[in-house]
Amino acid sequence: MTRRSIRLAAVLGVAATLAGGSLAAASELTGATAAPQKAAAAKHVLLLSVDGLHQSDLAWYIAQHPQSALARQVHGGVQYTNAHTTTPSDSFPGMTAQVTGGGPGTTGVYYDDVYNHALLPAGTTNCKSAKPGAEVDLTEGLDKNKASLDAGQGLKNLPGSILQMTGTPQSLLDPSKLPVDPNTCKPVYPHSYLQVNTVFEVARKAGLGTAWSDKHIAYDILNGPSGTGIQDQFSPEINSNAPGYPAGGDWTTDNKATEQFDGYKVKAVLNEIDGYDHSGSKKVGTPAIFGMNFQSVSTAQKLPTSDGLKGGYASKGVPGPLLQKNLDFVDTEVGAMVKEIQAKGLASSTDIVLSAKHGQSPTDPNALTRIDDGPLLDGLNAAWKKAHPGAGDLVAHSVDDDGMLLWLNDRSAEATSFAKKYLLAQSGQGNDINGKPKAFTNGGLSKVYAGKDAADYFGVKPGDARVPDLFGIAKYGVVYTGGKGKIAEHGGAHADDLNVPLVVSGAGTSQGVTKSAPVKTAQIAPTILSLLGLDPQSLQAVQKDHTQVLPTR
């Protein structure tokens, strides 16, 4: 990837989660009251995202392990076998959809590292004369200290002390790394960048408790525009240095390390089930909405090998040894949460939603074609400048995983068409699963939306400040990477990227029900509010996108 910018009594089931606008857009939309409209089916909803997990992975695991915790959850609830996450299939649009009910065009969130043509670059102080156009980074790059697990809080004895990390980590974001609002000349924090409200904000207005655990401080975005939706946000930095593992590696470069990292978040959730804050030191009551993401399945899918085990898939849709190990890990941890819920007498008042922010592609190792996108983009810039003497680079910012998103310095129809034609004309040599040369054509792309077509694809007006000027859907198996260290990625629009599990089980849901009709992970958000007896129409994105509550009977 190149980034340039530069329910339960007897059985508690796990629910799989399908479930350029202005910064003022969220406040301009009118939300309905957050007061309960009906008797609540549940008092608590635990949302779990197993990043990278496919519906096919869940089905395979349950077939192999019919007595597993995951199998008990599926059989004890409602399973939606045709659930799709957002396009692009990245963590940030995927997760914001689950808690807002909206897709990227409505939330304004297209990826974890994007570009906005209306904002000013980070560090801008003279806002009157500064030229608009800025990277909006939602990664570890915003941390005060991205090399530290606590993101720069300064805790002693890390990583063992990590549960002491603050639950209000906005202060650990470095303001100098944030884009600037040209109207106020102040930094734009991630929560302010989100254009619509979240389930956490609706719950807080109703006087309910909230908590969330994830992998970056930048998940501050889930607080929603108020900045106060999540009372207890536990966000250790996954891309920090991982002590005890190979030097220079972070918590994603060794799969055992990723499991350890996920384990901290599991402990935080267990503490919250017990009625404490994530640290286990302060009694606050079990939140109404809480949860976490698992990252270990994702790294097991991406890494060629780790801990002596081969990563990815043994054959099309059949998990290899490292991925099987991680499915076992997630099953054990989910089982631990269910056991704790039952032990605390919460089984009859809790729903669990299990899903994934995104899938991962390809699940067929023989389809892999790694392409270095650097030369493609360099060539595009060179060709543009040759055809337009005196012009600068055409590409302002790019994010390329198994899809391609480009923001251009020139947004004219001529420029967007030029970029599309150039990329589709490119051929060359990439490499396959074994690192051997493998030819590619059309820049590795099967379909390209450029200019107005890209805006139409995402349902926004042409010229929207946030929308990519070009969105390329890669051919199946293509992963844009400059080396041989990845065997899968996400972000694209293939079934392997989009078809994620969705299971809802617990209080108020049916048991042993399978629904095969298409649903979206964005439907998780209104479903959470409905289960809690709150009005789904309190969500602005639900109003705008007409997002429906999942049928749980």
Protein backbone atom coordinates (compact mmCIF):
# COMPACT_ATOMS: atom_id res chain seq x y z
CA MET A 1 0.00 0.00 0.00
CA THR A 2 1.16 3.44 -0.80
CA ARG A 3 -0.08 6.45 1.10
CA ARG A 4 1.06 9.66 -0.24
CA SER A 5 0.28 13.07 0.98
CA ILE A 6 1.89 13.27 1.39
CA ARG A 7 -29.68 -11.73 23.74
CA LEU A 8 -29.78 -15.75 26.19
CA ALA A 9 -30.69 -17.43 29.32
CA ALA A 10 -29.65 -20.86 28.05
CA VAL A 11 -27.30 -19.86 25.35
CA LEU A 12 -25.96 -16.43 24.68
CA GLY A 13 -25.39 -15.86 20.99
CA VAL A 14 -22.91 -13.65 19.31
CA ALA A 15 -24.24 -11.20 16.75
CA ALA A 16 -22.26 -10.59 13.66
CA THR A 17 -22.33 -6.96 12.84
CA LEU A 18 -23.55 -6.02 9.48
CA ALA A 19 -24.67 -5.42 11.63
CA GLY A 20 -17.11 16.64 1.07
CA GLY A 21 -19.51 17.83 3.41
CA SER A 22 -18.84 20.62 5.83
CA LEU A 23 -17.75 20.02 9.38
CA ALA A 24 -21.01 21.61 10.51
CA ALA A 25 -23.15 19.06 8.62
CA ALA A 26 -23.84 16.92 11.70
CA SER A 27 -25.23 19.87 13.66
CA GLU A 28 -27.36 20.92 10.68
CA LEU A 29 -29.19 17.58 10.55
CA THR A 30 -32.11 17.27 12.97
CA GLY A 31 -32.07 14.13 15.12
CA ALA A 32 -35.12 12.65 16.87
CA THR A 33 -35.34 12.32 20.62
CA ALA A 34 -33.13 9.74 22.25
CA ALA A 35 -35.76 8.86 24.89
CA PRO A 36 -36.86 5.20 24.94
CA GLN A 37 -39.88 4.62 22.68
CA LYS A 38 -40.63 1.04 23.65
CA ALA A 39 -39.81 -1.56 26.24
CA ALA A 40 -36.16 -2.42 25.79
CA ALA A 41 -35.30 -5.98 24.83
CA ALA A 42 -31.87 -5.51 26.35
CA LYS A 43 -30.02 -3.34 28.83
CA HIS A 44 -26.63 -4.00 27.29
CA VAL A 45 -25.30 -4.54 23.77
CA LEU A 46 -21.80 -5.89 23.30
CA LEU A 47 -20.48 -5.18 19.83
CA LEU A 48 -17.55 -7.23 18.58
CA SER A 49 -15.71 -6.69 15.34
CA VAL A 50 -13.37 -9.46 14.23
CA ASP A 51 -11.47 -7.56 11.58
CA GLY A 52 -10.85 -9.57 8.42
CA LEU A 53 -13.36 -12.31 9.29
CA HIS A 54 -15.49 -13.56 6.39
CA GLN A 55 -18.88 -15.23 6.65
CA SER A 56 -17.19 -18.19 4.95
CA ASP A 57 -14.56 -18.32 7.73
CA LEU A 58 -17.27 -18.42 10.40
CA ALA A 59 -19.19 -21.13 8.52
CA TRP A 60 -16.01 -23.19 8.06
CA TYR A 61 -15.08 -22.88 11.74
CA ILE A 62 -18.53 -23.86 13.01
CA ALA A 63 -18.57 -26.89 10.71
CA GLN A 64 -15.19 -27.95 12.08
CA HIS A 65 -16.03 -27.04 15.71
CA PRO A 66 -19.79 -27.56 16.25
CA GLN A 67 -19.45 -27.29 20.05
CA SER A 68 -17.40 -24.12 19.97
CA ALA A 69 -18.35 -20.84 21.59
CA LEU A 70 -18.86 -19.27 18.18
CA ALA A 71 -21.14 -22.15 17.12
CA ARG A 72 -23.19 -21.75 20.31
CA GLN A 73 -23.58 -18.06 19.61
CA VAL A 74 -24.74 -18.58 16.04
CA HIS A 75 -27.17 -21.35 17.02
CA GLY A 76 -28.46 -19.20 19.89
CA GLY A 77 -29.26 -16.17 17.76
CA VAL A 78 -29.98 -14.78 14.32
CA GLN A 79 -27.34 -15.18 11.64
CA TYR A 80 -27.34 -13.03 8.52
CA THR A 81 -25.34 -14.94 5.94
CA ASN A 82 -25.38 -12.30 3.22
CA ALA A 83 -24.04 -9.30 5.07
CA HIS A 84 -21.85 -6.68 3.45
CA THR A 85 -19.62 -4.04 4.89
CA THR A 86 -18.93 -0.70 3.26
CA THR A 87 -17.10 0.12 0.06
CA PRO A 88 -14.31 1.04 0.48
CA SER A 89 -13.88 -1.90 2.86
CA ASP A 90 -11.53 -0.16 5.27
CA SER A 91 -11.59 -0.11 9.09
CA PHE A 92 -12.73 3.50 9.45
CA PRO A 93 -15.68 3.57 7.04
CA GLY A 94 -16.55 0.03 8.18
CA MET A 95 -16.59 0.91 11.87
CA THR A 96 -18.26 4.29 11.50
CA ALA A 97 -21.03 2.58 9.50
CA GLN A 98 -21.66 0.14 12.35
CA VAL A 99 -22.14 2.95 14.87
CA THR A 100 -23.82 5.59 12.69
CA GLY A 101 -25.90 3.64 10.17
CA GLY A 102 -24.31 5.44 7.22
CA GLY A 103 -21.95 4.73 4.38
CA PRO A 104 -18.89 6.77 3.43
CA GLY A 105 -20.79 9.36 1.42
CA THR A 106 -22.93 10.15 4.48
CA THR A 107 -20.35 9.85 7.22
CA GLY A 108 -17.70 11.58 5.14
CA VAL A 109 -15.22 8.87 6.10
CA TYR A 110 -13.70 6.99 3.17
CA TYR A 111 -10.52 5.49 4.66
CA ASP A 112 -8.09 5.80 7.55
CA ASP A 113 -5.88 8.20 5.63
CA VAL A 114 -7.63 10.53 3.22
CA TYR A 115 -7.53 13.98 1.68
CA ASN A 116 -9.88 16.93 2.00
CA HIS A 117 -9.83 19.68 -0.61
CA ALA A 118 -11.39 22.23 1.77
CA LEU A 119 -9.25 21.88 4.88
CA LEU A 120 -5.83 23.39 5.43
CA PRO A 121 -2.66 21.39 6.03
CA ALA A 122 -1.64 20.44 9.56
CA GLY A 123 0.39 23.16 11.20
CA THR A 124 -1.23 26.02 9.30
CA THR A 125 -1.34 29.24 11.32
CA ASN A 126 -1.95 31.84 8.62
CA CYS A 127 -5.35 30.60 7.50
CA LYS A 128 -6.23 33.57 5.32
CA SER A 129 -3.49 33.00 2.81
CA ALA A 130 -3.06 29.21 3.05
CA LYS A 131 -4.05 27.09 0.06
CA PRO A 132 -6.84 24.56 0.83
CA GLY A 133 -6.12 20.86 0.50
CA ALA A 134 -4.94 18.63 3.33
CA GLU A 135 -4.26 15.07 4.35
CA VAL A 136 -6.64 13.79 7.05
CA ASP A 137 -4.70 11.11 8.87
CA LEU A 138 -6.65 8.75 11.17
CA THR A 139 -3.76 6.43 11.95
CA GLU A 140 -1.00 6.16 14.54
CA GLY A 141 0.49 9.19 12.91
CA LEU A 142 -1.70 11.40 15.13
CA ASP A 143 -0.32 10.03 18.40
CA LYS A 144 1.93 12.16 20.56
CA ASN A 145 4.25 9.14 20.59
CA LYS A 146 3.32 6.50 18.06
CA ALA A 147 6.20 4.29 19.17
CA SER A 148 4.64 3.81 22.62
CA LEU A 149 1.76 1.45 23.41
CA ASP A 150 0.14 4.22 25.49
CA ALA A 151 0.48 6.68 22.58
CA GLY A 152 2.60 9.00 24.68
CA GLN A 153 0.76 9.05 28.03
CA GLY A 154 3.99 8.16 29.80
CA LEU A 155 2.93 5.07 31.75
CA LYS A 156 5.66 3.12 33.54
CA ASN A 157 6.23 -0.62 33.15
CA LEU A 158 4.58 -1.05 29.78
CA PRO A 159 3.13 -3.20 28.38
CA GLY A 160 1.99 -4.73 31.68
CA SER A 161 0.52 -1.44 32.89
CA ILE A 162 -1.44 -0.69 29.73
CA LEU A 163 -4.88 -1.11 31.36
CA GLN A 164 -4.00 2.02 33.36
CA MET A 165 -4.18 3.98 30.12
CA THR A 166 -6.61 6.88 30.17
CA GLY A 167 -10.21 6.35 29.05
CA THR A 168 -10.30 9.90 27.66
CA PRO A 169 -7.38 9.82 25.25
CA GLN A 170 -8.14 12.86 23.11
CA SER A 171 -5.29 14.61 24.91
CA LEU A 172 -2.89 12.06 23.42
CA LEU A 173 -3.60 13.33 19.90
CA ASP A 174 -0.99 15.79 18.68
CA PRO A 175 -2.81 18.96 17.50
CA SER A 176 0.08 19.89 15.24
CA LYS A 177 -0.62 16.77 13.15
CA LEU A 178 -4.30 17.59 12.62
CA PRO A 179 -5.71 19.37 9.57
CA VAL A 180 -6.98 22.89 10.14
CA ASP A 181 -10.49 24.29 9.68
CA PRO A 182 -10.14 27.37 7.45
CA ASN A 183 -13.13 29.03 9.15
CA THR A 184 -11.87 28.77 12.73
CA CYS A 185 -8.16 28.25 12.06
CA LYS A 186 -8.27 25.48 14.67
CA PRO A 187 -7.26 21.80 14.40
CA VAL A 188 -9.95 19.35 13.29
CA TYR A 189 -10.05 16.39 15.68
CA PRO A 190 -11.25 13.01 14.40
CA HIS A 191 -14.62 13.27 16.20
CA SER A 192 -15.22 16.63 14.54
CA TYR A 193 -14.49 15.16 11.13
CA LEU A 194 -17.44 12.74 11.35
CA GLN A 195 -20.49 14.32 9.66
CA VAL A 196 -23.23 12.46 11.60
CA ASN A 197 -23.93 11.34 15.18
CA THR A 198 -23.27 7.89 16.66
CA VAL A 199 -25.08 5.31 18.81
CA PHE A 200 -22.77 6.32 21.64
CA GLU A 201 -24.05 9.90 21.54
CA VAL A 202 -27.70 8.76 21.43
CA ALA A 203 -27.09 6.48 24.42
CA ARG A 204 -25.42 9.29 26.38
CA LYS A 205 -28.40 11.62 25.75
CA ALA A 206 -30.61 8.87 27.21
CA GLY A 207 -28.37 8.70 30.30
CA LEU A 208 -26.80 5.36 29.39
CA GLY A 209 -23.19 4.30 29.77
CA THR A 210 -20.80 3.72 26.87
CA ALA A 211 -17.34 2.27 26.28
CA TRP A 212 -15.21 1.17 23.33
CA SER A 213 -11.79 -0.43 22.83
CA ASP A 214 -9.86 -0.20 19.57
CA LYS A 215 -6.41 0.06 18.03
CA HIS A 216 -5.69 3.79 17.61
CA ILE A 217 -6.40 6.98 19.56
CA ALA A 218 -7.93 8.26 16.32
CA TYR A 219 -10.98 6.08 17.06
CA ASP A 220 -11.93 9.24 18.89
CA ILE A 221 -14.00 9.59 15.71
CA LEU A 222 -16.56 7.15 17.17
CA ASN A 223 -17.37 9.72 19.87
CA GLY A 224 -19.28 11.57 17.17
CA PRO A 225 -19.29 15.31 16.55
CA SER A 226 -19.98 16.12 20.22
CA GLY A 227 -16.69 14.50 21.13
CA THR A 228 -18.31 12.98 24.23
CA GLY A 229 -20.16 9.87 23.02
CA ILE A 230 -17.76 7.34 24.53
CA GLN A 231 -17.29 7.61 28.29
CA ASP A 232 -14.47 5.09 28.39
CA GLN A 233 -12.32 4.81 25.27
CA PHE A 234 -9.44 2.36 25.63
CA SER A 235 -7.16 2.69 22.66
CA PRO A 236 -3.66 1.28 22.98
CA GLU A 237 -1.57 1.86 19.86
CA ILE A 238 -1.26 -1.24 17.70
CA ASN A 239 1.50 0.17 15.53
CA SER A 240 3.75 0.97 18.48
CA ASN A 241 6.91 -0.96 19.28
CA ALA A 242 6.14 -4.45 20.59
CA PRO A 243 8.66 -5.37 23.32
CA GLY A 244 9.68 -9.00 23.44
CA TYR A 245 9.24 -9.46 19.72
CA PRO A 246 11.68 -8.93 16.84
CA ALA A 247 13.29 -5.52 16.99
CA GLY A 248 11.62 -2.85 14.93
CA GLY A 249 8.34 -4.72 14.77
CA ASP A 250 4.98 -3.47 15.96
CA TRP A 251 2.03 -5.49 17.29
CA THR A 252 0.96 -6.45 13.74
CA THR A 253 4.24 -7.85 12.45
CA ASP A 254 4.15 -10.95 14.67
CA ASN A 255 0.80 -12.71 15.04
CA LYS A 256 1.48 -13.78 18.62
CA ALA A 257 2.02 -10.13 19.42
CA THR A 258 -1.34 -9.25 17.85
CA GLU A 259 -3.02 -11.86 20.05
CA GLN A 260 -1.35 -10.31 23.08
CA PHE A 261 -2.55 -6.88 21.99
CA ASP A 262 -6.11 -8.16 21.52
CA GLY A 263 -5.87 -9.75 24.95
CA TYR A 264 -5.54 -6.32 26.58
CA LYS A 265 -8.80 -5.21 24.99
CA VAL A 266 -10.52 -8.47 26.01
CA LYS A 267 -9.47 -7.81 29.61
CA ALA A 268 -10.90 -4.29 29.32
CA VAL A 269 -14.24 -5.72 28.13
CA LEU A 270 -14.26 -8.31 30.94
CA ASN A 271 -13.73 -5.50 33.46
CA GLU A 272 -16.62 -3.59 31.89
CA ILE A 273 -18.88 -6.68 32.05
CA ASP A 274 -18.02 -6.77 35.75
CA GLY A 275 -19.22 -3.18 36.11
CA TYR A 276 -15.86 -1.42 36.19
CA ASP A 277 -14.13 0.91 33.82
CA HIS A 278 -11.65 -0.67 31.39
CA SER A 279 -8.87 -0.56 33.98
CA GLY A 280 -10.87 -2.53 36.54
CA SER A 281 -10.21 0.16 39.17
CA LYS A 282 -13.39 2.24 39.14
CA LYS A 283 -16.95 0.94 39.63
CA VAL A 284 -19.14 2.55 36.97
CA GLY A 285 -21.71 -0.10 36.01
CA THR A 286 -21.81 -2.25 32.90
CA PRO A 287 -22.22 0.00 29.85
CA ALA A 288 -25.31 -0.05 27.69
CA ILE A 289 -23.15 -0.04 24.55
CA PHE A 290 -19.61 -1.36 24.62
CA GLY A 291 -17.25 -3.58 22.73
CA MET A 292 -13.96 -3.98 20.91
CA ASN A 293 -12.25 -5.03 17.74
CA PHE A 294 -10.06 -8.11 17.27
CA GLN A 295 -7.05 -7.62 15.03
CA SER A 296 -5.35 -11.02 15.18
CA VAL A 297 -7.41 -12.70 12.44
CA SER A 298 -6.48 -9.88 10.11
CA THR A 299 -2.74 -10.26 10.65
CA ALA A 300 -3.03 -14.06 10.30
CA GLN A 301 -4.58 -13.46 6.89
CA LYS A 302 -1.95 -10.95 5.80
CA LEU A 303 1.34 -12.38 7.05
CA PRO A 304 2.97 -15.04 4.85
CA THR A 305 4.28 -16.78 7.97
CA SER A 306 4.42 -16.09 11.70
CA ASP A 307 5.42 -18.14 14.74
CA GLY A 308 6.39 -21.01 12.44
CA LEU A 309 2.95 -21.21 10.86
CA LYS A 310 1.89 -20.39 7.35
CA GLY A 311 -0.50 -17.46 7.11
CA GLY A 312 -3.53 -16.93 4.94
CA TYR A 313 -5.50 -19.68 3.24
CA ALA A 314 -4.38 -23.21 2.35
CA SER A 315 -6.70 -23.16 -0.67
CA LYS A 316 -9.69 -21.12 -1.74
CA GLY A 317 -11.69 -20.34 1.44
CA VAL A 318 -9.85 -22.91 3.58
CA PRO A 319 -7.98 -21.28 6.47
CA GLY A 320 -4.33 -22.19 6.79
CA PRO A 321 -2.67 -23.16 10.10
CA LEU A 322 -1.99 -19.63 11.39
CA LEU A 323 -5.51 -18.46 10.63
CA GLN A 324 -7.00 -21.61 12.19
CA LYS A 325 -5.00 -20.84 15.33
CA ASN A 326 -6.41 -17.32 15.41
CA LEU A 327 -9.97 -18.48 14.90
CA ASP A 328 -9.40 -20.69 17.95
CA PHE A 329 -8.07 -17.66 19.80
CA VAL A 330 -11.10 -15.51 18.99
CA ASP A 331 -13.43 -18.40 19.89
CA THR A 332 -11.75 -18.74 23.29
CA GLU A 333 -11.93 -15.01 24.01
CA VAL A 334 -15.57 -14.70 22.92
CA GLY A 335 -16.33 -17.73 25.10
CA ALA A 336 -14.67 -15.97 28.05
CA MET A 337 -16.86 -12.90 27.56
CA VAL A 338 -20.04 -15.00 27.34
CA LYS A 339 -19.05 -16.91 30.48
CA GLU A 340 -18.48 -13.65 32.36
CA ILE A 341 -21.82 -12.24 31.20
CA GLN A 342 -23.53 -15.37 32.50
CA ALA A 343 -21.56 -15.30 35.76
CA LYS A 344 -22.65 -11.71 36.44
CA GLY A 345 -26.33 -12.51 35.84
CA LEU A 346 -26.47 -10.40 32.69
CA ALA A 347 -27.37 -13.09 30.14
CA SER A 348 -31.10 -12.28 30.09
CA SER A 349 -30.43 -8.56 29.54
CA THR A 350 -27.53 -8.60 27.07
CA ASP A 351 -27.30 -8.87 23.33
CA ILE A 352 -24.10 -9.60 21.47
CA VAL A 353 -23.48 -8.44 17.93
CA LEU A 354 -20.58 -10.07 16.11
CA SER A 355 -19.32 -8.82 12.78
CA ALA A 356 -16.29 -7.34 11.08
CA LYS A 357 -15.25 -3.90 9.89
CA HIS A 358 -13.97 -5.52 6.71
CA GLY A 359 -12.99 -8.79 5.08
CA GLN A 360 -9.69 -9.53 3.37
CA SER A 361 -8.78 -10.46 -0.18
CA PRO A 362 -7.87 -12.80 -1.76
CA THR A 363 -8.98 -15.97 0.04
CA ASP A 364 -7.53 -17.90 -2.88
CA PRO A 365 -3.74 -17.83 -2.54
CA ASN A 366 -3.26 -18.71 -6.20
CA ALA A 367 -5.04 -15.51 -7.21
CA LEU A 368 -2.57 -13.21 -5.48
CA THR A 369 -0.87 -10.63 -7.66
CA ARG A 370 1.26 -8.13 -5.78
CA ILE A 371 1.78 -4.89 -7.68
CA ASP A 372 4.03 -2.04 -6.67
CA ASP A 373 1.77 0.99 -7.09
CA GLY A 374 4.60 3.46 -6.64
CA PRO A 375 5.76 3.29 -10.26
CA LEU A 376 2.15 3.48 -11.46
CA LEU A 377 1.59 6.76 -9.65
CA ASP A 378 4.99 8.14 -10.54
CA GLY A 379 4.25 7.37 -14.17
CA LEU A 380 0.86 9.05 -13.96
CA ASN A 381 2.40 12.21 -12.57
CA ALA A 382 5.15 12.20 -15.20
CA ALA A 383 2.69 11.69 -18.05
CA TRP A 384 0.50 14.52 -16.78
CA LYS A 385 3.39 16.93 -16.54
CA LYS A 386 4.63 15.98 -19.98
CA ALA A 387 1.21 16.67 -21.47
CA HIS A 388 0.88 19.88 -19.45
CA PRO A 389 4.23 21.69 -19.35
CA GLY A 390 4.65 23.66 -16.15
CA ALA A 391 2.07 21.64 -14.26
CA GLY A 392 2.88 19.97 -10.95
CA ASP A 393 2.06 16.42 -9.83
CA LEU A 394 -1.50 15.38 -10.64
CA VAL A 395 -1.85 13.10 -7.58
CA ALA A 396 -2.30 14.98 -4.31
CA HIS A 397 -2.88 11.88 -2.17
CA SER A 398 -3.37 8.16 -2.70
CA VAL A 399 -4.38 5.11 -0.68
CA ASP A 400 -3.96 1.79 -2.43
CA ASP A 401 -4.49 -1.58 -0.70
CA ASP A 402 -6.68 -3.89 -2.80
CA GLY A 403 -8.46 -0.92 -4.26
CA MET A 404 -7.21 2.47 -5.39
CA LEU A 405 -8.32 5.86 -4.09
CA LEU A 406 -6.77 8.99 -5.59
CA TRP A 407 -7.30 12.64 -4.78
CA LEU A 408 -6.03 14.95 -7.52
CA ASN A 409 -4.63 18.44 -7.49
CA ASP A 410 -6.59 19.16 -10.66
CA ARG A 411 -10.21 18.00 -10.29
CA SER A 412 -11.34 18.90 -13.79
CA ALA A 413 -13.06 16.38 -16.07
CA GLU A 414 -9.96 16.43 -18.27
CA ALA A 415 -7.69 15.52 -15.38
CA THR A 416 -9.86 12.77 -13.89
CA SER A 417 -10.35 11.26 -17.35
CA PHE A 418 -6.61 11.45 -17.99
CA ALA A 419 -5.86 9.57 -14.77
CA LYS A 420 -8.42 6.88 -15.56
CA LYS A 421 -7.17 6.32 -19.09
CA TYR A 422 -3.53 6.26 -18.03
CA LEU A 423 -4.00 3.70 -15.27
CA LEU A 424 -6.11 1.36 -17.40
CA ALA A 425 -3.42 1.42 -20.07
CA GLN A 426 -0.64 0.19 -17.79
CA SER A 427 0.80 -3.33 -17.80
CA GLY A 428 3.81 -4.84 -16.15
CA GLN A 429 5.22 -7.46 -13.82
CA GLY A 430 4.04 -8.04 -10.30
CA ASN A 431 4.67 -11.17 -8.23
CA ASP A 432 2.61 -14.14 -7.07
CA ILE A 433 2.12 -15.97 -3.75
CA ASN A 434 5.60 -17.48 -4.11
CA GLY A 435 7.23 -14.21 -5.08
CA LYS A 436 7.65 -15.25 -8.70
CA PRO A 437 6.97 -12.80 -11.53
CA LYS A 438 3.35 -12.45 -12.54
CA ALA A 439 2.10 -10.20 -15.29
CA PHE A 440 -0.64 -7.65 -14.79
CA THR A 441 -2.64 -5.46 -17.14
CA ASN A 442 -4.88 -2.41 -16.80
CA GLY A 443 -2.90 -1.25 -13.80
CA GLY A 444 -4.39 -4.22 -11.91
CA LEU A 445 -7.82 -2.56 -12.16
CA SER A 446 -11.14 -4.02 -13.33
CA LYS A 447 -13.22 -0.86 -13.03
CA VAL A 448 -12.43 2.80 -12.48
CA TYR A 449 -14.79 5.55 -11.40
CA ALA A 450 -13.40 9.01 -11.99
CA GLY A 451 -14.67 12.54 -11.41
CA LYS A 452 -18.47 12.77 -11.51
CA ASP A 453 -18.71 8.97 -11.74
CA ALA A 454 -16.78 8.62 -8.49
CA ALA A 455 -19.03 11.16 -6.77
CA ASP A 456 -22.12 9.37 -8.10
CA TYR A 457 -20.74 6.02 -6.90
CA PHE A 458 -20.59 7.33 -3.33
CA GLY A 459 -23.82 9.32 -3.55
CA VAL A 460 -22.36 12.79 -3.17
CA LYS A 461 -22.29 15.87 -5.35
CA PRO A 462 -19.43 16.36 -7.78
CA GLY A 463 -16.82 18.59 -6.24
CA ASP A 464 -17.50 17.31 -2.72
CA ALA A 465 -14.39 18.13 -0.72
CA ARG A 466 -13.95 14.64 0.70
CA VAL A 467 -14.80 12.22 -2.09
CA PRO A 468 -11.91 10.60 -3.97
CA ASP A 469 -11.45 11.94 -7.47
CA LEU A 470 -10.77 8.40 -8.64
CA PHE A 471 -11.87 5.07 -7.14
CA GLY A 472 -10.41 1.99 -8.76
CA ILE A 473 -11.73 -1.51 -8.11
CA ALA A 474 -8.83 -3.91 -8.40
CA LYS A 475 -8.96 -7.22 -10.20
CA TYR A 476 -9.46 -10.19 -7.90
CA GLY A 477 -6.23 -11.09 -6.16
CA VAL A 478 -4.46 -7.78 -6.70
CA VAL A 479 -2.75 -6.30 -3.67
CA TYR A 480 -0.86 -3.05 -4.07
CA THR A 481 2.38 -3.37 -2.16
CA GLY A 482 5.99 -2.70 -2.88
CA GLY A 483 7.33 -5.91 -1.40
CA LYS A 484 6.47 -9.54 -0.70
CA GLY A 485 5.42 -9.17 2.94
CA LYS A 486 1.65 -9.23 2.35
CA ILE A 487 -0.55 -11.98 0.98
CA ALA A 488 -3.91 -10.22 1.46
CA GLU A 489 -5.39 -6.79 2.02
CA HIS A 490 -8.73 -4.97 2.25
CA GLY A 491 -10.22 -1.71 1.09
CA GLY A 492 -11.61 -2.96 -2.20
CA ALA A 493 -15.00 -4.12 -3.43
CA HIS A 494 -14.66 -7.87 -3.96
CA ALA A 495 -16.80 -10.45 -2.15
CA ASP A 496 -13.73 -11.34 -0.08
CA ASP A 497 -13.55 -7.71 1.07
CA LEU A 498 -17.25 -7.23 1.70
CA ASN A 499 -18.92 -10.50 2.79
CA VAL A 500 -18.52 -10.41 6.55
CA PRO A 501 -20.37 -12.33 9.27
CA LEU A 502 -23.28 -10.82 11.13
CA VAL A 503 -24.84 -12.54 14.16
CA VAL A 504 -27.19 -10.99 16.72
CA SER A 505 -28.09 -13.08 19.75
CA GLY A 506 -29.33 -12.59 23.26
CA ALA A 507 -32.25 -10.81 24.90
CA GLY A 508 -35.15 -10.23 22.53
CA THR A 509 -33.81 -12.23 19.60
CA SER A 510 -34.86 -15.56 18.12
CA GLN A 511 -32.61 -18.58 18.36
CA GLY A 512 -31.25 -20.73 15.57
CA VAL A 513 -32.49 -18.46 12.80
CA THR A 514 -30.62 -17.95 9.54
CA LYS A 515 -31.52 -15.11 7.22
CA SER A 516 -30.04 -15.12 3.74
CA ALA A 517 -31.42 -11.85 2.39
CA PRO A 518 -28.80 -9.14 1.77
CA VAL A 519 -28.15 -6.82 4.68
CA LYS A 520 -25.53 -4.19 5.44
CA THR A 521 -23.31 -3.76 8.46
CA ALA A 522 -24.63 -0.19 8.67
CA GLN A 523 -27.88 -1.77 9.92
CA ILE A 524 -26.10 -2.67 13.15
CA ALA A 525 -26.39 0.91 14.43
CA PRO A 526 -30.20 1.27 14.34
CA THR A 527 -30.50 -2.34 15.55
CA ILE A 528 -28.43 -1.54 18.65
CA LEU A 529 -30.71 1.38 19.50
CA SER A 530 -33.85 -0.68 18.84
CA LEU A 531 -32.64 -3.46 21.14
CA LEU A 532 -32.05 -0.87 23.87
CA GLY A 533 -35.52 0.63 23.39
CA LEU A 534 -34.14 3.81 21.83
CA ASP A 535 -35.33 5.40 18.61
CA PRO A 536 -33.23 4.41 15.59
CA GLN A 537 -34.33 7.65 13.93
CA SER A 538 -32.19 9.46 16.48
CA LEU A 539 -29.34 8.64 14.13
CA GLN A 540 -28.86 11.25 11.44
CA ALA A 541 -27.38 8.76 8.96
CA VAL A 542 -30.37 6.44 9.46
CA GLN A 543 -32.61 9.32 8.46
CA LYS A 544 -30.52 10.22 5.43
CA ASP A 545 -29.72 6.72 4.16
CA HIS A 546 -33.05 5.15 5.26
CA THR A 547 -31.12 2.43 7.06
CA GLN A 548 -33.37 -0.35 8.38
CA VAL A 549 -33.27 -2.21 11.70
CA LEU A 550 -32.19 -5.82 11.26
CA PRO A 551 -35.02 -8.39 11.66
CA THR A 552 -34.16 -10.19 14.89
CA ARG A 553 -37.17 -12.51 14.91
